[in-house]
């Protein structure tokens, strides 16, 4: 059987511009405990030895397990000096065998850079290897150097992503024989299982497959519409302000409603850079001198090369020159002691409505003193900030 795998439309024409506002009285959402996550791009100075970078990321992941974090996410990049993990699956496989509880996932798997059958096989294996603790995020890369190395055009990225998703899900939910024919790949399984076991394709342990998220960044995001259409979870970027986050949920909800699906706010993962210290003065001083500032300046320059800083702006009329360190600290980053950070999070919750997971962005350490400060911040997040936040919004908190 031959099946043509089309590139599902990543841009949906929405005929109604009226977006339903969130209300605390909505019966569709039952307030639950907001889960904790960590997301690493990763981000390390190119001057640091690669082995040291990976050792530090491993230390952070194992510490997160000890501190009770629910999730840990690892980015994939191939040609970026500051973001040196090219295979998040290999990294999290090592973490899985040193942890027992925490869920881990690549964020995202860059589907444009891999044959979808290989991705389907690797991730199904990894789900079994992890005993069902695998989370997934699917996306495509943004590095022009990646596109060049793999002989791809930027205009192909969305069609590659959607076609790869279709093939992967078909492999995971079907038995052979089949032939999946697309514009970019063709996958053919000629036989079903025979007496020798030939023709058997591994399926994930979690059925029909692990939970899948889609990274979303912009206003009116095409990716968030795709997530809604496929029943995937939105994973909102850390570099966007609260009004853009709200727009993303409204778009997700409207799109899902339009096809008869019921979006659940508990499936919404929001990434935020949170840096905590015993005093707000100390936290701000450290954040202005460590990788928090370096990372946001780096991302801002990268985005600026691709056509402007609009995605980072609360007000699109802002001048690019106003998207500076002060703006990052006051708008996009949550810096302070636990009381200050709690106030900022409650303001975010009020603006966006409920979300299910808060993933803390973490970046490389510049020295041992900075390492201790980051680990202290990591501990304050789950030990004090998140429990107080859950209590303040009336969420159900499970005490172990």
Protein backbone atom coordinates (compact mmCIF):
# COMPACT_ATOMS: atom_id res chain seq x y z
CA UNK A 1 0.00 0.00 0.00
CA UNK A 2 1.41 3.38 -1.02
CA UNK A 3 0.37 6.44 0.96
CA UNK A 4 1.31 9.95 -0.07
CA UNK A 5 2.43 11.87 2.99
CA UNK A 6 1.64 15.48 2.36
CA UNK A 7 3.10 18.43 4.19
CA UNK A 8 0.31 19.36 6.59
CA UNK A 9 -0.41 23.11 6.39
CA UNK A 10 1.54 25.00 9.04
CA UNK A 11 -0.51 28.14 8.51
CA UNK A 12 -4.22 27.86 9.22
CA UNK A 13 -6.59 30.55 7.97
CA UNK A 14 -8.64 31.60 10.98
CA UNK A 15 -11.94 33.12 9.88
CA UNK A 16 -12.83 34.61 13.23
CA UNK A 17 -10.56 37.13 14.88
CA UNK A 18 -12.40 36.99 18.19
CA UNK A 19 -10.33 35.05 20.71
CA UNK A 20 -11.98 33.66 23.82
CA UNK A 21 -10.61 35.28 26.97
CA UNK A 22 -9.57 33.10 29.89
CA UNK A 23 -11.81 33.15 32.92
CA UNK A 24 -11.11 31.62 36.32
CA UNK A 25 -14.61 30.20 36.25
CA UNK A 26 -14.07 28.16 33.08
CA UNK A 27 -15.24 24.64 33.83
CA UNK A 28 -12.89 23.16 31.23
CA UNK A 29 -9.86 23.66 33.48
CA UNK A 30 -9.28 22.10 36.88
CA UNK A 31 -6.43 23.78 38.69
CA UNK A 32 -3.61 21.36 39.39
CA UNK A 33 -0.10 21.71 40.68
CA UNK A 34 2.17 23.46 38.19
CA UNK A 35 5.04 21.11 37.39
CA UNK A 36 8.71 22.08 37.42
CA UNK A 37 11.10 21.77 34.51
CA UNK A 38 14.57 22.77 33.42
CA UNK A 39 15.47 23.58 29.83
CA UNK A 40 19.06 23.91 28.64
CA UNK A 41 19.78 25.15 25.11
CA UNK A 42 22.55 24.30 26.18
CA UNK A 43 24.56 27.54 26.48
CA UNK A 44 28.29 27.60 27.18
CA UNK A 45 31.16 29.87 26.26
CA UNK A 46 33.11 28.50 23.25
CA UNK A 47 36.25 29.08 25.34
CA UNK A 48 35.23 26.26 27.68
CA UNK A 49 36.36 22.70 26.80
CA UNK A 50 33.49 20.68 25.37
CA UNK A 51 33.97 17.85 27.84
CA UNK A 52 33.62 20.34 30.70
CA UNK A 53 30.42 21.73 29.15
CA UNK A 54 28.89 18.27 29.01
CA UNK A 55 30.04 17.42 32.53
CA UNK A 56 28.38 20.57 33.87
CA UNK A 57 25.13 19.80 32.03
CA UNK A 58 25.19 16.29 33.47
CA UNK A 59 25.78 17.63 36.97
CA UNK A 60 22.80 19.93 36.57
CA UNK A 61 20.54 17.13 35.31
CA UNK A 62 21.41 14.83 38.20
CA UNK A 63 20.96 17.65 40.67
CA UNK A 64 17.53 18.34 39.16
CA UNK A 65 16.55 14.73 39.85
CA UNK A 66 17.64 15.08 43.46
CA UNK A 67 15.68 18.33 43.87
CA UNK A 68 12.46 16.82 42.57
CA UNK A 69 12.17 18.48 39.17
CA UNK A 70 9.50 16.87 37.04
CA UNK A 71 11.09 17.43 33.61
CA UNK A 72 14.43 18.17 31.96
CA UNK A 73 14.74 19.33 28.35
CA UNK A 74 17.82 19.51 26.12
CA UNK A 75 18.17 21.45 22.86
CA UNK A 76 19.75 20.19 19.63
CA UNK A 77 22.14 22.29 17.55
CA UNK A 78 24.73 21.23 14.99
CA UNK A 79 26.83 24.24 13.99
CA UNK A 80 26.52 26.70 16.91
CA UNK A 81 29.62 27.26 19.03
CA UNK A 82 27.64 28.47 22.04
CA UNK A 83 25.14 25.57 21.98
CA UNK A 84 27.22 22.40 21.79
CA UNK A 85 24.88 19.40 22.22
CA UNK A 86 24.36 17.90 18.77
CA UNK A 87 22.55 14.78 20.00
CA UNK A 88 20.21 15.39 22.94
CA UNK A 89 19.08 11.75 22.72
CA UNK A 90 22.59 10.54 23.59
CA UNK A 91 22.81 12.97 26.49
CA UNK A 92 19.44 12.11 28.01
CA UNK A 93 20.07 8.39 27.55
CA UNK A 94 23.03 8.76 29.88
CA UNK A 95 20.86 10.70 32.34
CA UNK A 96 18.08 8.11 32.22
CA UNK A 97 20.38 5.39 33.57
CA UNK A 98 21.43 7.61 36.49
CA UNK A 99 17.91 8.71 37.46
CA UNK A 100 14.68 6.96 38.37
CA UNK A 101 11.85 9.52 38.35
CA UNK A 102 12.40 12.64 36.22
CA UNK A 103 11.11 12.78 32.64
CA UNK A 104 13.52 13.97 29.95
CA UNK A 105 13.23 15.00 26.36
CA UNK A 106 14.94 16.63 23.38
CA UNK A 107 13.64 20.14 22.78
CA UNK A 108 13.25 19.82 19.94
CA UNK A 109 14.39 17.01 17.69
CA UNK A 110 15.30 18.92 14.51
CA UNK A 111 13.24 16.82 12.14
CA UNK A 112 14.46 18.61 9.03
CA UNK A 113 17.97 17.29 9.65
CA UNK A 114 17.12 13.59 10.09
CA UNK A 115 15.48 10.83 8.11
CA UNK A 116 12.08 10.36 9.79
CA UNK A 117 12.34 6.56 9.88
CA UNK A 118 15.61 6.87 11.81
CA UNK A 119 13.97 9.31 14.22
CA UNK A 120 11.01 6.97 14.74
CA UNK A 121 13.32 4.01 15.45
CA UNK A 122 15.68 5.91 17.77
CA UNK A 123 12.92 7.48 19.84
CA UNK A 124 10.92 4.26 20.16
CA UNK A 125 14.09 2.57 21.43
CA UNK A 126 14.78 5.45 23.81
CA UNK A 127 11.26 5.29 25.23
CA UNK A 128 11.78 1.64 26.17
CA UNK A 129 15.32 2.37 27.38
CA UNK A 130 13.90 5.02 29.73
CA UNK A 131 11.05 2.78 30.94
CA UNK A 132 8.53 5.29 29.59
CA UNK A 133 10.02 8.53 30.90
CA UNK A 134 10.58 10.08 27.47
CA UNK A 135 9.07 13.44 26.53
CA UNK A 136 9.29 14.72 22.96
CA UNK A 137 9.34 18.03 21.15
CA UNK A 138 9.40 18.26 17.36
CA UNK A 139 10.69 21.28 15.47
CA UNK A 140 13.11 22.47 12.84
CA UNK A 141 16.42 24.28 13.15
CA UNK A 142 17.04 27.98 12.74
CA UNK A 143 20.73 27.99 11.94
CA UNK A 144 21.63 28.93 8.34
CA UNK A 145 24.88 26.98 8.79
CA UNK A 146 22.86 23.84 9.57
CA UNK A 147 20.80 24.32 6.42
CA UNK A 148 23.93 24.77 4.34
CA UNK A 149 25.70 21.74 5.81
CA UNK A 150 22.71 19.50 5.08
CA UNK A 151 22.03 21.01 1.66
CA UNK A 152 18.62 22.43 2.59
CA UNK A 153 16.83 25.67 1.82
CA UNK A 154 15.16 27.70 4.61
CA UNK A 155 11.95 27.70 2.57
CA UNK A 156 11.77 23.90 2.95
CA UNK A 157 11.80 23.79 6.72
CA UNK A 158 8.09 23.83 7.45
CA UNK A 159 7.26 21.26 4.78
CA UNK A 160 10.07 19.00 6.00
CA UNK A 161 8.81 19.26 9.55
CA UNK A 162 5.20 18.45 8.76
CA UNK A 163 6.10 15.61 6.39
CA UNK A 164 8.47 14.07 8.91
CA UNK A 165 5.82 14.20 11.64
CA UNK A 166 3.36 12.42 9.37
CA UNK A 167 5.81 9.65 8.57
CA UNK A 168 6.90 9.17 12.19
CA UNK A 169 3.35 8.91 13.49
CA UNK A 170 2.43 6.50 10.69
CA UNK A 171 5.39 4.25 11.56
CA UNK A 172 4.43 4.30 15.23
CA UNK A 173 0.76 3.53 14.68
CA UNK A 174 0.83 1.13 11.70
CA UNK A 175 2.12 -2.30 10.77
CA UNK A 176 3.66 -3.14 7.41
CA UNK A 177 3.68 -3.55 4.60
CA UNK A 178 3.41 0.09 3.53
CA UNK A 179 5.07 2.72 1.38
CA UNK A 180 4.99 6.31 2.60
CA UNK A 181 5.78 8.70 -0.22
CA UNK A 182 6.50 12.36 0.45
CA UNK A 183 8.16 15.31 -1.19
CA UNK A 184 11.35 14.85 0.83
CA UNK A 185 11.43 11.21 1.95
CA UNK A 186 10.01 7.84 1.01
CA UNK A 187 9.71 5.05 3.57
CA UNK A 188 8.94 1.52 2.41
CA UNK A 189 8.36 -1.53 4.59
CA UNK A 190 7.84 -4.45 2.25
CA UNK A 191 6.96 -7.20 4.68
CA UNK A 192 5.18 -7.80 7.92
CA UNK A 193 6.63 -9.96 10.66
CA UNK A 194 7.65 -13.38 9.39
CA UNK A 195 8.81 -16.46 11.25
CA UNK A 196 12.30 -14.91 11.55
CA UNK A 197 10.99 -11.65 12.96
CA UNK A 198 11.94 -9.68 9.86
CA UNK A 199 9.83 -6.62 9.15
CA UNK A 200 9.11 -5.75 12.78
CA UNK A 201 9.40 -2.06 13.63
CA UNK A 202 9.72 -1.03 17.27
CA UNK A 203 6.82 1.01 18.64
CA UNK A 204 7.18 3.30 21.67
CA UNK A 205 6.49 1.96 25.13
CA UNK A 206 4.07 4.83 25.75
CA UNK A 207 1.08 4.23 23.51
CA UNK A 208 0.42 5.39 20.95
CA UNK A 209 3.57 7.48 21.52
CA UNK A 210 5.18 9.73 24.17
CA UNK A 211 3.67 13.17 24.80
CA UNK A 212 4.77 15.50 22.01
CA UNK A 213 5.33 19.25 22.32
CA UNK A 214 5.93 21.90 19.66
CA UNK A 215 8.21 24.89 20.42
CA UNK A 216 6.37 28.16 19.77
CA UNK A 217 7.83 31.64 19.69
CA UNK A 218 5.89 34.25 17.72
CA UNK A 219 2.54 36.00 17.84
CA UNK A 220 -0.09 34.13 15.85
CA UNK A 221 2.38 31.27 15.62
CA UNK A 222 1.85 28.82 12.78
CA UNK A 223 3.55 26.19 14.92
CA UNK A 224 1.08 26.66 17.76
CA UNK A 225 -1.75 26.09 15.28
CA UNK A 226 -0.15 22.85 14.13
CA UNK A 227 0.24 21.76 17.76
CA UNK A 228 -3.46 22.39 18.33
CA UNK A 229 -4.54 20.56 15.17
CA UNK A 230 -2.49 17.48 16.04
CA UNK A 231 -3.26 17.43 19.76
CA UNK A 232 0.37 18.21 20.62
CA UNK A 233 1.38 20.42 23.55
CA UNK A 234 2.55 24.03 23.13
CA UNK A 235 6.00 24.77 24.57
CA UNK A 236 6.41 28.55 24.73
CA UNK A 237 9.83 30.17 24.43
CA UNK A 238 11.55 32.06 27.23
CA UNK A 239 12.39 35.11 25.10
CA UNK A 240 8.82 36.36 24.66
CA UNK A 241 6.80 38.68 26.94
CA UNK A 242 3.57 37.79 28.69
CA UNK A 243 1.22 39.32 26.13
CA UNK A 244 2.75 37.14 23.42
CA UNK A 245 2.34 34.09 25.66
CA UNK A 246 -1.33 34.94 26.06
CA UNK A 247 -1.69 35.32 22.30
CA UNK A 248 -0.17 31.89 21.83
CA UNK A 249 -2.63 30.20 24.18
CA UNK A 250 -5.58 32.06 22.65
CA UNK A 251 -4.45 30.94 19.19
CA UNK A 252 -3.95 27.36 20.38
CA UNK A 253 -7.35 27.26 22.05
CA UNK A 254 -9.21 28.83 19.12
CA UNK A 255 -7.58 26.46 16.63
CA UNK A 256 -8.31 23.38 18.75
CA UNK A 257 -11.92 24.45 19.29
CA UNK A 258 -12.28 24.88 15.53
CA UNK A 259 -11.59 21.19 14.91
CA UNK A 260 -13.51 19.87 17.89
CA UNK A 261 -10.56 19.22 20.20
CA UNK A 262 -10.48 20.20 23.87
CA UNK A 263 -7.26 22.01 24.79
CA UNK A 264 -6.03 21.52 28.33
CA UNK A 265 -4.04 24.25 30.02
CA UNK A 266 -2.15 21.64 32.01
CA UNK A 267 -0.49 20.66 28.71
CA UNK A 268 0.99 24.16 28.26
CA UNK A 269 4.70 24.41 29.10
CA UNK A 270 6.14 27.90 29.53
CA UNK A 271 9.90 28.40 29.62
CA UNK A 272 11.18 31.30 31.70
CA UNK A 273 14.64 32.35 32.76
CA UNK A 274 14.45 32.50 36.54
CA UNK A 275 17.50 33.41 38.61
CA UNK A 276 17.07 33.42 42.38
CA UNK A 277 19.29 34.47 45.27
CA UNK A 278 18.82 35.24 48.94
CA UNK A 279 18.30 38.94 48.14
CA UNK A 280 17.03 40.69 45.04
CA UNK A 281 20.09 42.93 45.02
CA UNK A 282 22.39 39.92 44.86
CA UNK A 283 20.29 38.19 42.20
CA UNK A 284 20.27 41.24 39.92
CA UNK A 285 23.99 41.83 40.35
CA UNK A 286 24.78 38.23 39.47
CA UNK A 287 22.35 38.08 36.54
CA UNK A 288 23.88 41.17 34.98
CA UNK A 289 27.33 39.61 35.20
CA UNK A 290 26.75 35.95 34.38
CA UNK A 291 25.38 33.94 31.44
CA UNK A 292 21.83 35.27 31.87
CA UNK A 293 22.82 38.57 30.28
CA UNK A 294 25.24 36.94 27.84
CA UNK A 295 22.60 34.48 26.64
CA UNK A 296 19.91 37.10 26.04
CA UNK A 297 22.31 39.41 24.23
CA UNK A 298 23.40 36.45 22.10
CA UNK A 299 19.83 35.43 21.27
CA UNK A 300 18.90 39.04 20.54
CA UNK A 301 21.74 39.39 18.06
CA UNK A 302 20.79 36.08 16.41
CA UNK A 303 17.16 37.14 16.06
CA UNK A 304 18.16 40.57 14.84
CA UNK A 305 20.05 38.98 11.96
CA UNK A 306 16.84 37.30 10.83
CA UNK A 307 14.76 40.45 10.53
CA UNK A 308 14.27 42.32 13.78
CA UNK A 309 13.55 41.88 17.46
CA UNK A 310 9.75 41.99 17.28
CA UNK A 311 9.34 38.56 18.88
CA UNK A 312 11.00 39.84 22.08
CA UNK A 313 8.96 43.05 22.32
CA UNK A 314 5.86 43.62 24.40
CA UNK A 315 5.11 46.68 22.26
CA UNK A 316 5.99 46.31 18.59
CA UNK A 317 6.51 50.06 18.34
CA UNK A 318 9.57 49.79 20.61
CA UNK A 319 12.88 50.66 19.02
CA UNK A 320 15.28 47.75 18.69
CA UNK A 321 17.77 49.78 20.72
CA UNK A 322 15.39 49.60 23.70
CA UNK A 323 15.60 45.81 23.74
CA UNK A 324 18.61 45.95 26.02
CA UNK A 325 19.81 44.38 29.26
CA UNK A 326 17.43 46.47 31.37
CA UNK A 327 14.51 45.33 29.22
CA UNK A 328 15.58 41.70 29.50
CA UNK A 329 15.84 41.88 33.29
CA UNK A 330 12.57 43.77 33.78
CA UNK A 331 10.41 42.06 31.17
CA UNK A 332 11.69 38.68 29.97
CA UNK A 333 13.75 37.39 32.90
CA UNK A 334 12.57 36.80 36.46
CA UNK A 335 15.37 37.83 38.82
CA UNK A 336 15.24 38.33 42.55
CA UNK A 337 14.68 36.73 45.91
CA UNK A 338 11.79 34.30 46.30
CA UNK A 339 9.31 37.03 47.28
CA UNK A 340 10.16 39.17 44.26
CA UNK A 341 10.07 36.22 41.89
CA UNK A 342 6.72 35.10 43.32
CA UNK A 343 5.22 38.51 42.60
CA UNK A 344 6.52 38.37 39.02
CA UNK A 345 5.13 34.87 38.48
CA UNK A 346 1.72 35.84 39.83
CA UNK A 347 1.66 38.80 37.44
CA UNK A 348 2.48 36.40 34.59
CA UNK A 349 -0.27 33.99 35.68
CA UNK A 350 -2.76 36.84 35.82
CA UNK A 351 -1.85 37.89 32.27
CA UNK A 352 -1.68 34.46 30.63
CA UNK A 353 -4.08 32.35 32.64
CA UNK A 354 -3.07 28.94 34.02
CA UNK A 355 -0.29 26.80 32.57
CA UNK A 356 0.83 23.31 33.44
CA UNK A 357 4.62 23.42 33.56
CA UNK A 358 7.14 26.14 34.29
CA UNK A 359 10.50 25.24 32.77
CA UNK A 360 13.43 27.15 34.20
CA UNK A 361 16.07 28.14 31.63
CA UNK A 362 19.62 27.49 32.82
CA UNK A 363 22.88 28.53 31.20
CA UNK A 364 26.56 27.69 31.57
CA UNK A 365 28.58 28.58 34.63
CA UNK A 366 31.41 31.10 34.32
CA UNK A 367 33.35 29.92 37.38
CA UNK A 368 32.87 27.87 40.55
CA UNK A 369 31.28 30.75 42.45
CA UNK A 370 28.75 31.15 39.65
CA UNK A 371 28.17 27.38 39.66
CA UNK A 372 27.25 27.49 43.35
CA UNK A 373 24.95 30.48 42.74
CA UNK A 374 23.13 28.66 39.90
CA UNK A 375 22.73 25.49 41.94
CA UNK A 376 21.37 27.57 44.82
CA UNK A 377 18.91 29.21 42.46
CA UNK A 378 17.91 25.78 41.15
CA UNK A 379 17.23 24.61 44.70
CA UNK A 380 15.23 27.72 45.64
CA UNK A 381 13.03 27.24 42.57
CA UNK A 382 11.62 23.85 43.60
CA UNK A 383 12.22 24.15 47.32
CA UNK A 384 10.53 27.51 47.92
CA UNK A 385 9.31 29.41 44.88
CA UNK A 386 7.16 26.82 43.10
CA UNK A 387 5.43 25.49 46.25
CA UNK A 388 4.54 29.04 47.28
CA UNK A 389 3.37 29.85 43.77
CA UNK A 390 1.14 26.76 43.64
CA UNK A 391 -0.32 27.64 47.02
CA UNK A 392 -0.94 31.25 45.96
CA UNK A 393 -2.91 30.27 42.85
CA UNK A 394 -4.86 27.60 44.72
CA UNK A 395 -3.34 24.67 42.91
CA UNK A 396 -3.45 21.16 44.29
CA UNK A 397 -0.05 20.42 45.77
CA UNK A 398 1.04 16.88 46.50
CA UNK A 399 3.31 16.66 49.54
CA UNK A 400 5.66 13.68 49.42
